């Protein structure tokens, strides 16, 4: 995907029988995903989005060009992207997950430990999945563990808990 696109949600399948989709929003305010439309998928298709209601574990929405349950089901797993310039500006200590992927991870002495493979969030805060080349290490994305985020330099400086990287 182009660097100017940010994944803002994914389609989890159909909702009902009239072509609505079950939408997972990755936005801080879930319903704001509709404000960034039209959204595109990885194949370059464009969708206007109308949020119809909040539902358990997501939102119900109508997408342009999707008029049946079968069409909505066919989109299950489709990730939706918005141009970065349509998204809100971030505070100095906030980052889009997409901007962290691939960053080099260095310790406070400058030794490369790996690179960011994924940013996970299971409800208790963001966790960085770091590929060390010999395995994967999970680090909490907190100021204490990640004191420096240098997007321009494409690196993170980390102060991991003792023993975190000893067993790779």
Protein backbone atom coordinates (compact mmCIF):
# COMPACT_ATOMS: atom_id res chain seq x y z
CA UNK A 1 0.00 0.00 0.00
CA UNK A 2 1.07 3.54 -0.59
CA UNK A 3 2.67 5.40 2.33
CA UNK A 4 -0.05 8.04 2.16
CA UNK A 5 -2.77 5.50 3.05
CA UNK A 6 -3.58 4.36 6.58
CA UNK A 7 -5.68 1.31 7.45
CA UNK A 8 -8.72 2.61 9.35
CA UNK A 9 -10.89 -0.49 9.47
CA UNK A 10 -11.82 -3.92 8.17
CA UNK A 11 -14.98 -5.64 7.03
CA UNK A 12 -15.96 -8.53 9.29
CA UNK A 13 -18.77 -9.84 7.06
CA UNK A 14 -22.41 -9.11 6.40
CA UNK A 15 -24.93 -7.71 8.84
CA UNK A 16 -28.50 -8.64 8.05
CA UNK A 17 -29.78 -9.57 4.60
CA UNK A 18 -29.89 -6.20 2.81
CA UNK A 19 -26.21 -5.67 2.05
CA UNK A 20 -25.03 -3.99 5.23
CA UNK A 21 -21.56 -4.92 6.46
CA UNK A 22 -20.20 -5.54 9.93
CA UNK A 23 -17.36 -3.03 10.18
CA UNK A 24 -14.43 -3.06 12.62
CA UNK A 25 -13.13 0.47 13.05
CA UNK A 26 -9.50 1.06 14.03
CA UNK A 27 -10.18 4.76 14.75
CA UNK A 28 -9.95 6.25 18.26
CA UNK A 29 -13.60 7.26 17.83
CA UNK A 30 -15.02 4.23 15.98
CA UNK A 31 -17.85 6.06 14.16
CA UNK A 32 -15.33 8.59 12.77
CA UNK A 33 -14.38 6.02 10.12
CA UNK A 34 -17.33 7.29 8.09
CA UNK A 35 -15.85 10.81 8.12
CA UNK A 36 -12.81 9.63 6.15
CA UNK A 37 -14.78 8.15 3.23
CA UNK A 38 -14.47 7.31 0.47
CA UNK A 39 -12.28 4.45 1.67
CA UNK A 40 -10.27 2.16 -0.58
CA UNK A 41 -9.31 -1.48 -0.29
CA UNK A 42 -6.01 -3.12 -1.23
CA UNK A 43 -7.29 -3.76 -4.76
CA UNK A 44 -7.97 -0.04 -5.24
CA UNK A 45 -11.78 -0.27 -5.08
CA UNK A 46 -13.40 2.79 -3.54
CA UNK A 47 -16.37 2.74 -1.15
CA UNK A 48 -18.58 5.49 0.22
CA UNK A 49 -19.42 4.58 3.82
CA UNK A 50 -22.60 5.29 5.74
CA UNK A 51 -22.62 4.15 9.37
CA UNK A 52 -26.10 2.86 10.22
CA UNK A 53 -25.69 1.92 13.89
CA UNK A 54 -23.37 0.61 16.57
CA UNK A 55 -23.50 -3.15 17.04
CA UNK A 56 -21.71 -5.62 19.30
CA UNK A 57 -17.97 -5.57 18.48
CA UNK A 58 -18.25 -2.93 15.78
CA UNK A 59 -20.51 -0.94 13.52
CA UNK A 60 -23.12 -1.70 10.91
CA UNK A 61 -22.55 0.21 7.68
CA UNK A 62 -23.66 0.54 4.09
CA UNK A 63 -20.95 0.60 1.44
CA UNK A 64 -21.52 1.94 -2.05
CA UNK A 65 -21.83 -0.87 -4.58
CA UNK A 66 -22.76 -3.48 -1.95
CA UNK A 67 -26.45 -4.34 -2.22
CA UNK A 68 -26.79 -7.95 -1.08
CA UNK A 69 -25.81 -10.20 1.81
CA UNK A 70 -23.70 -12.25 -0.60
CA UNK A 71 -21.77 -9.17 -1.78
CA UNK A 72 -21.20 -8.12 1.84
CA UNK A 73 -20.01 -11.62 2.79
CA UNK A 74 -17.61 -11.64 -0.16
CA UNK A 75 -15.85 -8.61 1.38
CA UNK A 76 -15.15 -10.36 4.70
CA UNK A 77 -11.54 -9.64 5.73
CA UNK A 78 -11.16 -6.64 3.41
CA UNK A 79 -9.06 -3.90 4.97
CA UNK A 80 -10.14 -0.30 4.33
CA UNK A 81 -7.74 2.61 3.92
CA UNK A 82 -8.02 6.40 4.09
CA UNK A 83 -5.59 8.98 2.76
CA UNK A 84 -3.36 10.24 5.59
CA UNK A 85 -4.26 13.88 4.82
CA UNK A 86 -7.93 13.19 5.74
CA UNK A 87 -7.00 11.92 9.20
CA UNK A 88 -6.70 14.16 12.25
CA UNK A 89 -3.34 15.64 13.22
CA UNK A 90 -1.67 13.82 16.09
CA UNK A 91 -0.13 15.18 19.27
CA UNK A 92 3.66 14.95 19.59
CA UNK A 93 3.50 11.73 21.60
CA UNK A 94 0.93 9.96 19.36
CA UNK A 95 1.64 7.77 16.35
CA UNK A 96 -0.30 5.87 13.74
CA UNK A 97 0.49 2.17 14.03
CA UNK A 98 1.35 2.14 10.32
CA UNK A 99 4.20 4.60 11.00
CA UNK A 100 5.83 2.26 13.53
CA UNK A 101 5.93 -0.85 11.34
CA UNK A 102 9.41 -1.67 10.09
CA UNK A 103 11.21 0.76 12.40
CA UNK A 104 14.59 -0.43 13.69
CA UNK A 105 14.60 -1.19 17.41
CA UNK A 106 17.82 -0.15 19.20
CA UNK A 107 18.76 -0.36 22.86
CA UNK A 108 19.96 2.73 24.72
CA UNK A 109 23.55 1.84 23.80
CA UNK A 110 22.75 1.84 20.07
CA UNK A 111 22.78 -1.95 19.55
CA UNK A 112 20.19 -3.10 17.04
CA UNK A 113 17.77 -5.54 18.64
CA UNK A 114 15.38 -6.05 15.72
CA UNK A 115 12.55 -4.29 13.92
CA UNK A 116 8.87 -3.64 14.60
CA UNK A 117 6.80 -6.38 12.98
CA UNK A 118 3.38 -5.40 14.37
CA UNK A 119 1.62 -3.22 16.90
CA UNK A 120 -0.91 -5.16 18.94
CA UNK A 121 -3.62 -3.94 21.25
CA UNK A 122 -5.75 -6.37 23.19
CA UNK A 123 -7.33 -3.74 25.41
CA UNK A 124 -4.62 -2.98 27.96
CA UNK A 125 -2.45 -0.76 25.76
CA UNK A 126 -0.25 -1.09 22.72
CA UNK A 127 2.38 -3.81 22.54
CA UNK A 128 5.20 -3.86 19.97
CA UNK A 129 5.98 -7.18 18.31
CA UNK A 130 9.72 -7.03 17.60
CA UNK A 131 11.29 -9.42 15.09
CA UNK A 132 14.81 -10.14 16.36
CA UNK A 133 15.81 -12.33 13.43
CA UNK A 134 15.81 -15.30 15.79
CA UNK A 135 12.28 -14.95 17.10
CA UNK A 136 9.75 -12.46 18.32
CA UNK A 137 9.80 -10.35 21.50
CA UNK A 138 6.82 -8.39 22.83
CA UNK A 139 7.44 -4.97 24.37
CA UNK A 140 4.90 -2.68 26.01
CA UNK A 141 4.69 0.57 24.03
CA UNK A 142 5.09 2.84 27.05
CA UNK A 143 7.33 5.84 27.68
CA UNK A 144 9.32 3.85 30.24
CA UNK A 145 10.17 1.07 27.75
CA UNK A 146 10.24 3.15 24.54
CA UNK A 147 11.61 6.56 25.55
CA UNK A 148 12.43 7.66 21.98
CA UNK A 149 10.44 7.37 18.76
CA UNK A 150 12.42 8.80 15.84
CA UNK A 151 10.17 8.55 12.79
CA UNK A 152 12.53 10.62 10.63
CA UNK A 153 15.42 8.30 11.53
CA UNK A 154 13.17 5.21 11.19
CA UNK A 155 14.09 3.92 14.65
CA UNK A 156 12.92 3.36 18.22
CA UNK A 157 15.21 3.54 21.21
CA UNK A 158 14.08 1.06 23.86
CA UNK A 159 14.98 0.37 27.48
CA UNK A 160 13.50 -3.12 27.83
CA UNK A 161 13.02 -4.90 31.14
CA UNK A 162 16.13 -6.89 32.10
CA UNK A 163 16.28 -10.30 30.39
CA UNK A 164 13.80 -9.46 27.63
CA UNK A 165 16.25 -10.04 24.78
CA UNK A 166 18.57 -12.57 26.50
CA UNK A 167 16.90 -15.72 25.16
CA UNK A 168 16.70 -14.95 21.44
